């Protein structure tokens, strides 16, 4: 009779599958999206007041979810306001020039 030795299993932990950390669900984003969809449906159904309340709360949830984006927009806002003020000043200067030319033309034609 032949005796075959059975090998002992080696505790090789590298052969075990690695546990992959799953990405956490973005519940605030899902809630914001669901609320905004509900708001749209309510507005389409003619429920204006309830739709507006749902839209406002969905927007608030979306802003809570995107705090970094909101923060960067808030920091960039003064630059945009300065640019708009510069454009408005140029438009005002142009309007004043056009008004002066109009008055000059009116005086010339009135002679």
PDB file of N, CA and C in Angstrom:
ATOM      1  N   UNK A   1       0.828  -1.155   0.000  1.00  0.00           N
ATOM      2  CA  UNK A   1       0.000   0.000   0.000  1.00  0.00           C
ATOM      3  C   UNK A   1       0.883   1.232   0.000  1.00  0.00           C
ATOM      4  N   UNK A   2       0.506   2.190  -0.830  1.00  0.00           N
ATOM      5  CA  UNK A   2       1.309   3.391  -1.001  1.00  0.00           C
ATOM      6  C   UNK A   2       0.654   4.517  -0.217  1.00  0.00           C
ATOM      7  N   UNK A   3       1.440   5.226   0.503  1.00  0.00           N
ATOM      8  CA  UNK A   3       0.953   6.374   1.266  1.00  0.00           C
ATOM      9  C   UNK A   3       1.372   7.643   0.527  1.00  0.00           C
ATOM     10  N   UNK A   4       0.390   8.418   0.178  1.00  0.00           N
ATOM     11  CA  UNK A   4       0.645   9.681  -0.508  1.00  0.00           C
ATOM     12  C   UNK A   4       0.516  10.799   0.515  1.00  0.00           C
ATOM     13  N   UNK A   5       1.569  11.542   0.730  1.00  0.00           N
ATOM     14  CA  UNK A   5       1.463  12.634   1.706  1.00  0.00           C
ATOM     15  C   UNK A   5       0.614  13.784   1.136  1.00  0.00           C
ATOM     16  N   UNK A   6      -0.285  14.269   1.929  1.00  0.00           N
ATOM     17  CA  UNK A   6      -1.122  15.406   1.549  1.00  0.00           C
ATOM     18  C   UNK A   6      -0.406  16.684   1.958  1.00  0.00           C
ATOM     19  N   UNK A   7      -0.309  17.576   1.026  1.00  0.00           N
ATOM     20  CA  UNK A   7       0.380  18.824   1.354  1.00  0.00           C
ATOM     21  C   UNK A   7      -0.540  19.701   2.190  1.00  0.00           C
ATOM     22  N   UNK A   8       0.063  20.385   3.082  1.00  0.00           N
ATOM     23  CA  UNK A   8      -0.699  21.282   3.955  1.00  0.00           C
ATOM     24  C   UNK A   8      -0.934  22.597   3.209  1.00  0.00           C
ATOM     25  N   UNK A   9      -2.129  23.161   3.307  1.00  0.00           N
ATOM     26  CA  UNK A   9      -2.380  24.427   2.622  1.00  0.00           C
ATOM     27  C   UNK A   9      -1.520  25.537   3.213  1.00  0.00           C
ATOM     28  N   UNK A  10      -0.958  26.301   2.346  1.00  0.00           N
ATOM     29  CA  UNK A  10      -0.114  27.414   2.772  1.00  0.00           C
ATOM     30  C   UNK A  10      -1.006  28.626   2.971  1.00  0.00           C
ATOM     31  N   UNK A  11      -0.790  29.334   4.036  1.00  0.00           N
ATOM     32  CA  UNK A  11      -1.564  30.550   4.298  1.00  0.00           C
ATOM     33  C   UNK A  11      -1.019  31.684   3.441  1.00  0.00           C
ATOM     34  N   UNK A  12      -1.414  31.667   2.212  1.00  0.00           N
ATOM     35  CA  UNK A  12      -0.965  32.692   1.268  1.00  0.00           C
ATOM     36  C   UNK A  12      -2.066  33.737   1.151  1.00  0.00           C
ATOM     37  N   UNK A  13      -1.867  34.865   1.793  1.00  0.00           N
ATOM     38  CA  UNK A  13      -2.894  35.900   1.809  1.00  0.00           C
ATOM     39  C   UNK A  13      -2.933  36.699   0.505  1.00  0.00           C
ATOM     40  N   UNK A  14      -1.890  36.598  -0.286  1.00  0.00           N
ATOM     41  CA  UNK A  14      -1.897  37.343  -1.536  1.00  0.00           C
ATOM     42  C   UNK A  14      -2.857  36.715  -2.542  1.00  0.00           C
ATOM     43  N   UNK A  15      -3.230  35.479  -2.341  1.00  0.00           N
ATOM     44  CA  UNK A  15      -4.151  34.818  -3.255  1.00  0.00           C
ATOM     45  C   UNK A  15      -5.591  35.231  -2.995  1.00  0.00           C
ATOM     46  N   UNK A  16      -5.848  35.834  -1.848  1.00  0.00           N
ATOM     47  CA  UNK A  16      -7.201  36.256  -1.524  1.00  0.00           C
ATOM     48  C   UNK A  16      -7.538  37.516  -2.326  1.00  0.00           C
ATOM     49  N   UNK A  17      -8.757  37.614  -2.807  1.00  0.00           N
ATOM     50  CA  UNK A  17      -9.123  38.818  -3.562  1.00  0.00           C
ATOM     51  C   UNK A  17      -9.094  40.039  -2.656  1.00  0.00           C
ATOM     52  N   UNK A  18      -8.636  41.124  -3.234  1.00  0.00           N
ATOM     53  CA  UNK A  18      -8.572  42.362  -2.463  1.00  0.00           C
ATOM     54  C   UNK A  18      -9.968  42.949  -2.305  1.00  0.00           C
ATOM     55  N   UNK A  19     -10.194  43.522  -1.175  1.00  0.00           N
ATOM     56  CA  UNK A  19     -11.473  44.160  -0.915  1.00  0.00           C
ATOM     57  C   UNK A  19     -11.408  45.570  -1.486  1.00  0.00           C
ATOM     58  N   UNK A  20     -12.285  45.839  -2.416  1.00  0.00           N
ATOM     59  CA  UNK A  20     -12.317  47.143  -3.061  1.00  0.00           C
ATOM     60  C   UNK A  20     -13.295  48.024  -2.300  1.00  0.00           C
ATOM     61  N   UNK A  21     -12.789  49.190  -1.944  1.00  0.00           N
ATOM     62  CA  UNK A  21     -13.678  50.118  -1.248  1.00  0.00           C
ATOM     63  C   UNK A  21     -14.682  50.658  -2.248  1.00  0.00           C
ATOM     64  N   UNK A  22     -15.937  50.491  -1.920  1.00  0.00           N
ATOM     65  CA  UNK A  22     -16.972  50.982  -2.828  1.00  0.00           C
ATOM     66  C   UNK A  22     -17.174  52.469  -2.606  1.00  0.00           C
ATOM     67  N   UNK A  23     -17.505  53.137  -3.685  1.00  0.00           N
ATOM     68  CA  UNK A  23     -17.753  54.568  -3.601  1.00  0.00           C
ATOM     69  C   UNK A  23     -19.077  54.791  -2.883  1.00  0.00           C
ATOM     70  N   UNK A  24     -19.080  55.706  -1.956  1.00  0.00           N
ATOM     71  CA  UNK A  24     -20.301  55.957  -1.197  1.00  0.00           C
ATOM     72  C   UNK A  24     -21.328  56.620  -2.106  1.00  0.00           C
ATOM     73  N   UNK A  25     -22.540  56.321  -1.837  1.00  0.00           N
ATOM     74  CA  UNK A  25     -23.630  56.887  -2.638  1.00  0.00           C
ATOM     75  C   UNK A  25     -23.816  58.357  -2.271  1.00  0.00           C
ATOM     76  N   UNK A  26     -24.069  59.156  -3.253  1.00  0.00           N
ATOM     77  CA  UNK A  26     -24.272  60.590  -3.058  1.00  0.00           C
ATOM     78  C   UNK A  26     -25.760  60.829  -2.815  1.00  0.00           C
ATOM     79  N   UNK A  27     -26.180  60.605  -1.594  1.00  0.00           N
ATOM     80  CA  UNK A  27     -27.604  60.697  -1.275  1.00  0.00           C
ATOM     81  C   UNK A  27     -28.121  62.120  -1.383  1.00  0.00           C
ATOM     82  N   UNK A  28     -27.289  63.087  -1.052  1.00  0.00           N
ATOM     83  CA  UNK A  28     -27.739  64.485  -1.159  1.00  0.00           C
ATOM     84  C   UNK A  28     -27.973  64.834  -2.629  1.00  0.00           C
ATOM     85  N   UNK A  29     -27.096  64.354  -3.506  1.00  0.00           N
ATOM     86  CA  UNK A  29     -27.272  64.604  -4.935  1.00  0.00           C
ATOM     87  C   UNK A  29     -28.518  63.941  -5.485  1.00  0.00           C
ATOM     88  N   UNK A  30     -28.769  62.693  -5.037  1.00  0.00           N
ATOM     89  CA  UNK A  30     -29.980  62.001  -5.478  1.00  0.00           C
ATOM     90  C   UNK A  30     -31.231  62.724  -4.974  1.00  0.00           C
ATOM     91  N   UNK A  31     -31.181  63.183  -3.728  1.00  0.00           N
ATOM     92  CA  UNK A  31     -32.332  63.895  -3.171  1.00  0.00           C
ATOM     93  C   UNK A  31     -32.564  65.212  -3.910  1.00  0.00           C
ATOM     94  N   UNK A  32     -31.482  65.915  -4.231  1.00  0.00           N
ATOM     95  CA  UNK A  32     -31.619  67.177  -4.957  1.00  0.00           C
ATOM     96  C   UNK A  32     -32.203  66.927  -6.346  1.00  0.00           C
ATOM     97  N   UNK A  33     -31.685  65.933  -7.038  1.00  0.00           N
ATOM     98  CA  UNK A  33     -32.201  65.625  -8.367  1.00  0.00           C
ATOM     99  C   UNK A  33     -33.650  65.191  -8.345  1.00  0.00           C
ATOM    100  N   UNK A  34     -33.995  64.334  -7.386  1.00  0.00           N
ATOM    101  CA  UNK A  34     -35.382  63.886  -7.269  1.00  0.00           C
ATOM    102  C   UNK A  34     -36.329  65.016  -6.939  1.00  0.00           C
ATOM    103  N   UNK A  35     -35.871  65.914  -6.078  1.00  0.00           N
ATOM    104  CA  UNK A  35     -36.704  67.055  -5.709  1.00  0.00           C
ATOM    105  C   UNK A  35     -36.908  67.989  -6.897  1.00  0.00           C
ATOM    106  N   UNK A  36     -35.865  68.198  -7.686  1.00  0.00           N
ATOM    107  CA  UNK A  36     -36.003  69.066  -8.850  1.00  0.00           C
ATOM    108  C   UNK A  36     -36.883  68.442  -9.928  1.00  0.00           C
ATOM    109  N   UNK A  37     -36.795  67.128 -10.087  1.00  0.00           N
ATOM    110  CA  UNK A  37     -37.689  66.448 -11.040  1.00  0.00           C
ATOM    111  C   UNK A  37     -39.133  66.552 -10.569  1.00  0.00           C
ATOM    112  N   UNK A  38     -39.342  66.345  -9.281  1.00  0.00           N
ATOM    113  CA  UNK A  38     -40.680  66.467  -8.710  1.00  0.00           C
ATOM    114  C   UNK A  38     -41.213  67.884  -8.888  1.00  0.00           C
ATOM    115  N   UNK A  39     -40.340  68.862  -8.690  1.00  0.00           N
ATOM    116  CA  UNK A  39     -40.751  70.258  -8.867  1.00  0.00           C
ATOM    117  C   UNK A  39     -41.190  70.513 -10.308  1.00  0.00           C
ATOM    118  N   UNK A  40     -40.435  69.976 -11.253  1.00  0.00           N
ATOM    119  CA  UNK A  40     -40.809  70.138 -12.651  1.00  0.00           C
ATOM    120  C   UNK A  40     -42.147  69.498 -12.972  1.00  0.00           C
ATOM    121  N   UNK A  41     -42.368  68.312 -12.423  1.00  0.00           N
ATOM    122  CA  UNK A  41     -43.648  67.632 -12.649  1.00  0.00           C
ATOM    123  C   UNK A  41     -44.805  68.400 -12.018  1.00  0.00           C
ATOM    124  N   UNK A  42     -44.572  68.934 -10.822  1.00  0.00           N
ATOM    125  CA  UNK A  42     -45.620  69.724 -10.172  1.00  0.00           C
ATOM    126  C   UNK A  42     -45.935  70.985 -10.974  1.00  0.00           C
ATOM    127  N   UNK A  43     -44.901  71.616 -11.505  1.00  0.00           N
ATOM    128  CA  UNK A  43     -45.140  72.817 -12.304  1.00  0.00           C
ATOM    129  C   UNK A  43     -45.888  72.476 -13.591  1.00  0.00           C
ATOM    130  N   UNK A  44     -45.545  71.345 -14.209  1.00  0.00           N
ATOM    131  CA  UNK A  44     -46.260  70.926 -15.412  1.00  0.00           C
ATOM    132  C   UNK A  44     -47.714  70.562 -15.122  1.00  0.00           C
ATOM    133  N   UNK A  45     -47.958  70.067 -13.907  1.00  0.00           N
ATOM    134  CA  UNK A  45     -49.313  69.689 -13.519  1.00  0.00           C
ATOM    135  C   UNK A  45     -50.150  70.892 -13.099  1.00  0.00           C
ATOM    136  N   UNK A  46     -49.526  72.070 -13.036  1.00  0.00           N
ATOM    137  CA  UNK A  46     -50.278  73.271 -12.681  1.00  0.00           C
ATOM    138  C   UNK A  46     -50.226  73.612 -11.204  1.00  0.00           C
ATOM    139  N   UNK A  47     -49.493  72.868 -10.421  1.00  0.00           N
ATOM    140  CA  UNK A  47     -49.365  73.154  -8.986  1.00  0.00           C
ATOM    141  C   UNK A  47     -48.180  74.109  -8.802  1.00  0.00           C
ATOM    142  N   UNK A  48     -48.433  75.389  -9.039  1.00  0.00           N
ATOM    143  CA  UNK A  48     -47.350  76.368  -9.055  1.00  0.00           C
ATOM    144  C   UNK A  48     -46.710  76.552  -7.689  1.00  0.00           C
ATOM    145  N   UNK A  49     -47.504  76.695  -6.667  1.00  0.00           N
ATOM    146  CA  UNK A  49     -46.955  76.971  -5.335  1.00  0.00           C
ATOM    147  C   UNK A  49     -46.133  75.789  -4.828  1.00  0.00           C
ATOM    148  N   UNK A  50     -46.683  74.588  -4.929  1.00  0.00           N
ATOM    149  CA  UNK A  50     -45.948  73.404  -4.479  1.00  0.00           C
ATOM    150  C   UNK A  50     -44.712  73.175  -5.343  1.00  0.00           C
ATOM    151  N   UNK A  51     -44.814  73.440  -6.639  1.00  0.00           N
ATOM    152  CA  UNK A  51     -43.675  73.289  -7.527  1.00  0.00           C
ATOM    153  C   UNK A  51     -42.553  74.247  -7.204  1.00  0.00           C
ATOM    154  N   UNK A  52     -42.913  75.483  -6.874  1.00  0.00           N
ATOM    155  CA  UNK A  52     -41.893  76.472  -6.523  1.00  0.00           C
ATOM    156  C   UNK A  52     -41.212  76.130  -5.201  1.00  0.00           C
ATOM    157  N   UNK A  53     -41.985  75.635  -4.237  1.00  0.00           N
ATOM    158  CA  UNK A  53     -41.396  75.229  -2.958  1.00  0.00           C
ATOM    159  C   UNK A  53     -40.447  74.056  -3.171  1.00  0.00           C
ATOM    160  N   UNK A  54     -40.878  73.086  -3.973  1.00  0.00           N
ATOM    161  CA  UNK A  54     -40.020  71.930  -4.250  1.00  0.00           C
ATOM    162  C   UNK A  54     -38.774  72.354  -5.022  1.00  0.00           C
ATOM    163  N   UNK A  55     -38.919  73.280  -5.965  1.00  0.00           N
ATOM    164  CA  UNK A  55     -37.764  73.750  -6.723  1.00  0.00           C
ATOM    165  C   UNK A  55     -36.777  74.481  -5.819  1.00  0.00           C
ATOM    166  N   UNK A  56     -37.285  75.287  -4.907  1.00  0.00           N
ATOM    167  CA  UNK A  56     -36.407  76.007  -3.981  1.00  0.00           C
ATOM    168  C   UNK A  56     -35.658  75.036  -3.070  1.00  0.00           C
ATOM    169  N   UNK A  57     -36.364  74.029  -2.558  1.00  0.00           N
ATOM    170  CA  UNK A  57     -35.686  73.078  -1.675  1.00  0.00           C
ATOM    171  C   UNK A  57     -34.710  72.202  -2.463  1.00  0.00           C
ATOM    172  N   UNK A  58     -35.052  71.839  -3.698  1.00  0.00           N
ATOM    173  CA  UNK A  58     -34.120  71.074  -4.527  1.00  0.00           C
ATOM    174  C   UNK A  58     -32.873  71.869  -4.856  1.00  0.00           C
ATOM    175  N   UNK A  59     -33.055  73.155  -5.113  1.00  0.00           N
ATOM    176  CA  UNK A  59     -31.912  74.017  -5.385  1.00  0.00           C
ATOM    177  C   UNK A  59     -31.029  74.149  -4.152  1.00  0.00           C
ATOM    178  N   UNK A  60     -31.650  74.284  -2.985  1.00  0.00           N
ATOM    179  CA  UNK A  60     -30.870  74.364  -1.746  1.00  0.00           C
ATOM    180  C   UNK A  60     -30.073  73.082  -1.513  1.00  0.00           C
ATOM    181  N   UNK A  61     -30.691  71.937  -1.776  1.00  0.00           N
ATOM    182  CA  UNK A  61     -29.971  70.669  -1.629  1.00  0.00           C
ATOM    183  C   UNK A  61     -28.820  70.568  -2.627  1.00  0.00           C
ATOM    184  N   UNK A  62     -29.049  71.018  -3.851  1.00  0.00           N
ATOM    185  CA  UNK A  62     -27.987  70.978  -4.854  1.00  0.00           C
ATOM    186  C   UNK A  62     -26.829  71.886  -4.452  1.00  0.00           C
ATOM    187  N   UNK A  63     -27.148  73.043  -3.885  1.00  0.00           N
ATOM    188  CA  UNK A  63     -26.093  73.942  -3.427  1.00  0.00           C
ATOM    189  C   UNK A  63     -25.329  73.353  -2.257  1.00  0.00           C
ATOM    190  N   UNK A  64     -26.011  72.637  -1.384  1.00  0.00           N
ATOM    191  CA  UNK A  64     -25.319  71.964  -0.285  1.00  0.00           C
ATOM    192  C   UNK A  64     -24.368  70.898  -0.813  1.00  0.00           C
ATOM    193  N   UNK A  65     -24.782  70.230  -1.883  1.00  0.00           N
ATOM    194  CA  UNK A  65     -23.967  69.170  -2.452  1.00  0.00           C
ATOM    195  C   UNK A  65     -22.753  69.724  -3.181  1.00  0.00           C
ATOM    196  N   UNK A  66     -22.863  70.916  -3.724  1.00  0.00           N
ATOM    197  CA  UNK A  66     -21.793  71.514  -4.529  1.00  0.00           C
ATOM    198  C   UNK A  66     -21.176  72.719  -3.825  1.00  0.00           C
ATOM    199  N   UNK A  67     -20.791  72.558  -2.584  1.00  0.00           N
ATOM    200  CA  UNK A  67     -20.277  73.680  -1.807  1.00  0.00           C
ATOM    201  C   UNK A  67     -18.972  74.231  -2.373  1.00  0.00           C
ATOM    202  N   UNK A  68     -18.093  73.358  -2.881  1.00  0.00           N
ATOM    203  CA  UNK A  68     -16.819  73.834  -3.425  1.00  0.00           C
ATOM    204  C   UNK A  68     -17.045  74.709  -4.652  1.00  0.00           C
ATOM    205  N   UNK A  69     -17.953  74.284  -5.518  1.00  0.00           N
ATOM    206  CA  UNK A  69     -18.260  75.061  -6.716  1.00  0.00           C
ATOM    207  C   UNK A  69     -18.860  76.407  -6.338  1.00  0.00           C
ATOM    208  N   UNK A  70     -19.789  76.388  -5.397  1.00  0.00           N
ATOM    209  CA  UNK A  70     -20.414  77.628  -4.947  1.00  0.00           C
ATOM    210  C   UNK A  70     -19.380  78.561  -4.335  1.00  0.00           C
ATOM    211  N   UNK A  71     -18.449  78.010  -3.577  1.00  0.00           N
ATOM    212  CA  UNK A  71     -17.399  78.812  -2.954  1.00  0.00           C
ATOM    213  C   UNK A  71     -16.509  79.460  -4.018  1.00  0.00           C
ATOM    214  N   UNK A  72     -16.149  78.712  -5.051  1.00  0.00           N
ATOM    215  CA  UNK A  72     -15.305  79.280  -6.110  1.00  0.00           C
ATOM    216  C   UNK A  72     -16.064  80.359  -6.882  1.00  0.00           C
ATOM    217  N   UNK A  73     -17.363  80.150  -7.135  1.00  0.00           N
ATOM    218  CA  UNK A  73     -18.170  81.169  -7.806  1.00  0.00           C
ATOM    219  C   UNK A  73     -18.261  82.429  -6.956  1.00  0.00           C
ATOM    220  N   UNK A  74     -18.438  82.248  -5.656  1.00  0.00           N
ATOM    221  CA  UNK A  74     -18.564  83.397  -4.751  1.00  0.00           C
ATOM    222  C   UNK A  74     -17.275  84.210  -4.749  1.00  0.00           C
ATOM    223  N   UNK A  75     -16.129  83.525  -4.797  1.00  0.00           N
ATOM    224  CA  UNK A  75     -14.852  84.238  -4.820  1.00  0.00           C
ATOM    225  C   UNK A  75     -14.610  84.929  -6.159  1.00  0.00           C
ATOM    226  N   UNK A  76     -15.159  84.396  -7.242  1.00  0.00           N
ATOM    227  CA  UNK A  76     -14.971  84.991  -8.564  1.00  0.00           C
ATOM    228  C   UNK A  76     -15.972  86.111  -8.841  1.00  0.00           C
ATOM    229  N   UNK A  77     -17.012  86.223  -8.047  1.00  0.00           N
ATOM    230  CA  UNK A  77     -18.077  87.198  -8.289  1.00  0.00           C
ATOM    231  C   UNK A  77     -17.592  88.651  -8.320  1.00  0.00           C
ATOM    232  N   UNK A  78     -16.715  89.106  -7.418  1.00  0.00           N
ATOM    233  CA  UNK A  78     -16.270  90.507  -7.487  1.00  0.00           C
ATOM    234  C   UNK A  78     -15.573  90.850  -8.809  1.00  0.00           C
ATOM    235  N   UNK A  79     -14.806  89.903  -9.367  1.00  0.00           N
ATOM    236  CA  UNK A  79     -14.159  90.160 -10.655  1.00  0.00           C
ATOM    237  C   UNK A  79     -15.184  90.341 -11.761  1.00  0.00           C
ATOM    238  N   UNK A  80     -16.220  89.509 -11.745  1.00  0.00           N
ATOM    239  CA  UNK A  80     -17.276  89.633 -12.749  1.00  0.00           C
ATOM    240  C   UNK A  80     -18.032  90.947 -12.598  1.00  0.00           C
ATOM    241  N   UNK A  81     -18.269  91.361 -11.369  1.00  0.00           N
ATOM    242  CA  UNK A  81     -18.969  92.635 -11.135  1.00  0.00           C
ATOM    243  C   UNK A  81     -18.127  93.789 -11.654  1.00  0.00           C
ATOM    244  N   UNK A  82     -16.808  93.736 -11.428  1.00  0.00           N
ATOM    245  CA  UNK A  82     -15.927  94.786 -11.949  1.00  0.00           C
ATOM    246  C   UNK A  82     -15.963  94.827 -13.473  1.00  0.00           C
ATOM    247  N   UNK A  83     -15.958  93.661 -14.116  1.00  0.00           N
ATOM    248  CA  UNK A  83     -16.016  93.612 -15.579  1.00  0.00           C
ATOM    249  C   UNK A  83     -17.329  94.183 -16.092  1.00  0.00           C
ATOM    250  N   UNK A  84     -18.433  93.861 -15.433  1.00  0.00           N
ATOM    251  CA  UNK A  84     -19.740  94.382 -15.850  1.00  0.00           C
ATOM    252  C   UNK A  84     -19.787  95.891 -15.660  1.00  0.00           C
ATOM    253  N   UNK A  85     -19.213  96.389 -14.576  1.00  0.00           N
ATOM    254  CA  UNK A  85     -19.182  97.835 -14.358  1.00  0.00           C
ATOM    255  C   UNK A  85     -18.366  98.535 -15.437  1.00  0.00           C
ATOM    256  N   UNK A  86     -17.245  97.931 -15.856  1.00  0.00           N
ATOM    257  CA  UNK A  86     -16.446  98.512 -16.934  1.00  0.00           C
ATOM    258  C   UNK A  86     -17.234  98.561 -18.238  1.00  0.00           C
ATOM    259  N   UNK A  87     -17.941  97.476 -18.553  1.00  0.00           N
ATOM    260  CA  UNK A  87     -18.746  97.443 -19.773  1.00  0.00           C
ATOM    261  C   UNK A  87     -19.846  98.490 -19.712  1.00  0.00           C
ATOM    262  N   UNK A  88     -20.520  98.595 -18.555  1.00  0.00           N
ATOM    263  CA  UNK A  88     -21.586  99.589 -18.415  1.00  0.00           C
ATOM    264  C   UNK A  88     -21.051 101.013 -18.534  1.00  0.00           C
ATOM    265  N   UNK A  89     -19.858 101.262 -18.021  1.00  0.00           N
ATOM    266  CA  UNK A  89     -19.259 102.589 -18.141  1.00  0.00           C
ATOM    267  C   UNK A  89     -18.969 102.906 -19.600  1.00  0.00           C
ATOM    268  N   UNK A  90     -18.469 101.898 -20.356  1.00  0.00           N
ATOM    269  CA  UNK A  90     -18.208 102.111 -21.786  1.00  0.00           C
ATOM    270  C   UNK A  90     -19.502 102.355 -22.545  1.00  0.00           C
ATOM    271  N   UNK A  91     -20.540 101.615 -22.201  1.00  0.00           N
ATOM    272  CA  UNK A  91     -21.841 101.816 -22.848  1.00  0.00           C
ATOM    273  C   UNK A  91     -22.371 103.206 -22.535  1.00  0.00           C
ATOM    274  N   UNK A  92     -22.233 103.656 -21.299  1.00  0.00           N
ATOM    275  CA  UNK A  92     -22.699 104.981 -20.907  1.00  0.00           C
ATOM    276  C   UNK A  92     -21.942 106.067 -21.664  1.00  0.00           C
ATOM    277  N   UNK A  93     -20.624 105.889 -21.811  1.00  0.00           N
ATOM    278  CA  UNK A  93     -19.840 106.856 -22.579  1.00  0.00           C
ATOM    279  C   UNK A  93     -20.305 106.901 -24.031  1.00  0.00           C
ATOM    280  N   UNK A  94     -20.568 105.739 -24.614  1.00  0.00           N
ATOM    281  CA  UNK A  94     -21.036 105.678 -25.997  1.00  0.00           C
ATOM    282  C   UNK A  94     -22.389 106.353 -26.147  1.00  0.00           C
ATOM    283  N   UNK A  95     -23.294 106.109 -25.192  1.00  0.00           N
ATOM    284  CA  UNK A  95     -24.620 106.740 -25.237  1.00  0.00           C
ATOM    285  C   UNK A  95     -24.483 108.249 -25.123  1.00  0.00           C
ATOM    286  N   UNK A  96     -23.599 108.730 -24.262  1.00  0.00           N
ATOM    287  CA  UNK A  96     -23.386 110.168 -24.118  1.00  0.00           C
ATOM    288  C   UNK A  96     -22.825 110.771 -25.404  1.00  0.00           C
ATOM    289  N   UNK A  97     -21.898 110.058 -26.060  1.00  0.00           N
ATOM    290  CA  UNK A  97     -21.342 110.544 -27.327  1.00  0.00           C
ATOM    291  C   UNK A  97     -22.412 110.604 -28.408  1.00  0.00           C
ATOM    292  N   UNK A  98     -23.251 109.590 -28.479  1.00  0.00           N
ATOM    293  CA  UNK A  98     -24.331 109.565 -29.464  1.00  0.00           C
ATOM    294  C   UNK A  98     -25.314 110.708 -29.193  1.00  0.00           C
ATOM    295  N   UNK A  99     -25.622 110.950 -27.934  1.00  0.00           N
ATOM    296  CA  UNK A  99     -26.538 112.041 -27.588  1.00  0.00           C
ATOM    297  C   UNK A  99     -25.931 113.388 -27.963  1.00  0.00           C
ATOM    298  N   UNK A 100     -24.628 113.553 -27.738  1.00  0.00           N
ATOM    299  CA  UNK A 100     -23.974 114.810 -28.102  1.00  0.00           C
ATOM    300  C   UNK A 100     -23.984 115.002 -29.612  1.00  0.00           C
ATOM    301  N   UNK A 101     -23.705 113.940 -30.339  1.00  0.00           N
ATOM    302  CA  UNK A 101     -23.734 114.025 -31.812  1.00  0.00           C
ATOM    303  C   UNK A 101     -25.146 114.323 -32.317  1.00  0.00           C
ATOM    304  N   UNK A 102     -26.144 113.741 -31.655  1.00  0.00           N
ATOM    305  CA  UNK A 102     -27.533 113.992 -32.050  1.00  0.00           C
ATOM    306  C   UNK A 102     -27.884 115.461 -31.855  1.00  0.00           C
ATOM    307  N   UNK A 103     -27.489 116.019 -30.713  1.00  0.00           N
ATOM    308  CA  UNK A 103     -27.769 117.437 -30.448  1.00  0.00           C
ATOM    309  C   UNK A 103     -27.033 118.337 -31.432  1.00  0.00           C
ATOM    310  N   UNK A 104     -25.800 117.964 -31.741  1.00  0.00           N
ATOM    311  CA  UNK A 104     -25.020 118.753 -32.703  1.00  0.00           C
ATOM    312  C   UNK A 104     -25.680 118.696 -34.080  1.00  0.00           C
ATOM    313  N   UNK A 105     -26.115 117.502 -34.494  1.00  0.00           N
ATOM    314  CA  UNK A 105     -26.786 117.350 -35.773  1.00  0.00           C
ATOM    315  C   UNK A 105     -28.102 118.121 -35.789  1.00  0.00           C
ATOM    316  N   UNK A 106     -28.817 118.121 -34.686  1.00  0.00           N
ATOM    317  CA  UNK A 106     -30.087 118.852 -34.590  1.00  0.00           C
ATOM    318  C   UNK A 106     -29.855 120.365 -34.737  1.00  0.00           C
ATOM    319  N   UNK A 107     -28.791 120.862 -34.116  1.00  0.00           N
ATOM    320  CA  UNK A 107     -28.481 122.292 -34.228  1.00  0.00           C
ATOM    321  C   UNK A 107     -28.093 122.663 -35.657  1.00  0.00           C
ATOM    322  N   UNK A 108     -27.306 121.780 -36.292  1.00  0.00           N
ATOM    323  CA  UNK A 108     -26.881 122.055 -37.666  1.00  0.00           C
ATOM    324  C   UNK A 108     -28.084 122.047 -38.601  1.00  0.00           C
ATOM    325  N   UNK A 109     -28.989 121.103 -38.428  1.00  0.00           N
ATOM    326  CA  UNK A 109     -30.158 121.006 -39.302  1.00  0.00           C
ATOM    327  C   UNK A 109     -31.190 122.092 -39.011  1.00  0.00           C
ATOM    328  N   UNK A 110     -31.176 122.666 -37.818  1.00  0.00           N
ATOM    329  CA  UNK A 110     -32.145 123.698 -37.455  1.00  0.00           C
ATOM    330  C   UNK A 110     -31.786 125.041 -38.050  1.00  0.00           C
ATOM    331  N   UNK A 111     -30.573 125.251 -38.525  1.00  0.00           N
ATOM    332  CA  UNK A 111     -30.159 126.545 -39.080  1.00  0.00           C
ATOM    333  C   UNK A 111     -30.836 126.879 -40.330  1.00  0.00           C
TER     334      UNK A 111
END
